Amino acid sequence: MKKPVIVISPESQTKQVGTWVSSIYCSSRKYAKELESRGAIAIIPAFLSPEDADQLMSIADGLFMTGGADVDPARYGEEVQPYCGELEKDRDESDWNLMAAATKHKKPIFSVCRGSQYTNVFFGGTLYQDLPTQHPSDIKHVDLAGAFGQDSHIVNIVPGTPLHKLLGKDSIGVNTTHHQGYKTLGEKLVPMAYAPDGLVESFYLDDPDHWVRCYQWHPELMTFNENMDALISDFVNAAKENMNK
């Protein structure tokens, strides 16, 4: 049986062994393992030009936009503020090309954390460059200690949205590792869940011909949780349906 092919957006890192230094394209093994365990083939490419991204996404069945460094504020028309974090402009360019190609070919897009922020920016949205500074709250949005094994806070799910229909629940617990967040949502992006402080935590694209689901948290780190397991399985199923079109 053929398996759906899912592209994972890459990041770059510098690896040093002794005096030897090498720049590498990479991604967390967790992303790939969760896709593979559900019957998909995961591909992590190099940073891609528009032409190469278009060719790859024309034959792939889905795009997984992953976490990582902050999105360059220039992408949403702002100057970098002192409280903005590390930027990776080469990755921003590659991610833009992947998003453009996946959108052109109507391939399912599943985005988490930075990936969801980037998806919002791609569709014309803006970001808070630093939540503690620009959106003060009692909610702890950066909880690295709890990211892998426990809920950091709840999100309230909007009735009637794809997330509500999938889980059948009004609220769920999530992990959280982000200091940035969605300020305004892009065109045709509809909120699916909110944090108790009013911050949008999830959205989807209102387009019956294009499956796009975005989550500010990291479901792939908590797949022992039935809710998080369902989110990733939902994406792989969308990729399988795309493969059969």
Foldseek 3Di string as FASTA:
>chain_A
DDAAEEEEQWDWDWDDDPNDIDIDTDDDVLVQVLLVVLRHHYDYDDQDDLVVLLVVLLRGQEYEYEDDAADQQVLQPDHDDPLATDYDVSSLNSLLSNVVNCVVNQHEYEYEARRLVSVQSSQNFHKDRFCCVPPNDPQDQADVVPQQPDFRAKKAFDPPDPLCVQPVDGMDGFHHHDRMATDGGGPQWAAGIATPSGTGAWTFHNDPSHGYIYGNGDLSSPCVDVSSVSSVSVNSVSSVVSNVD
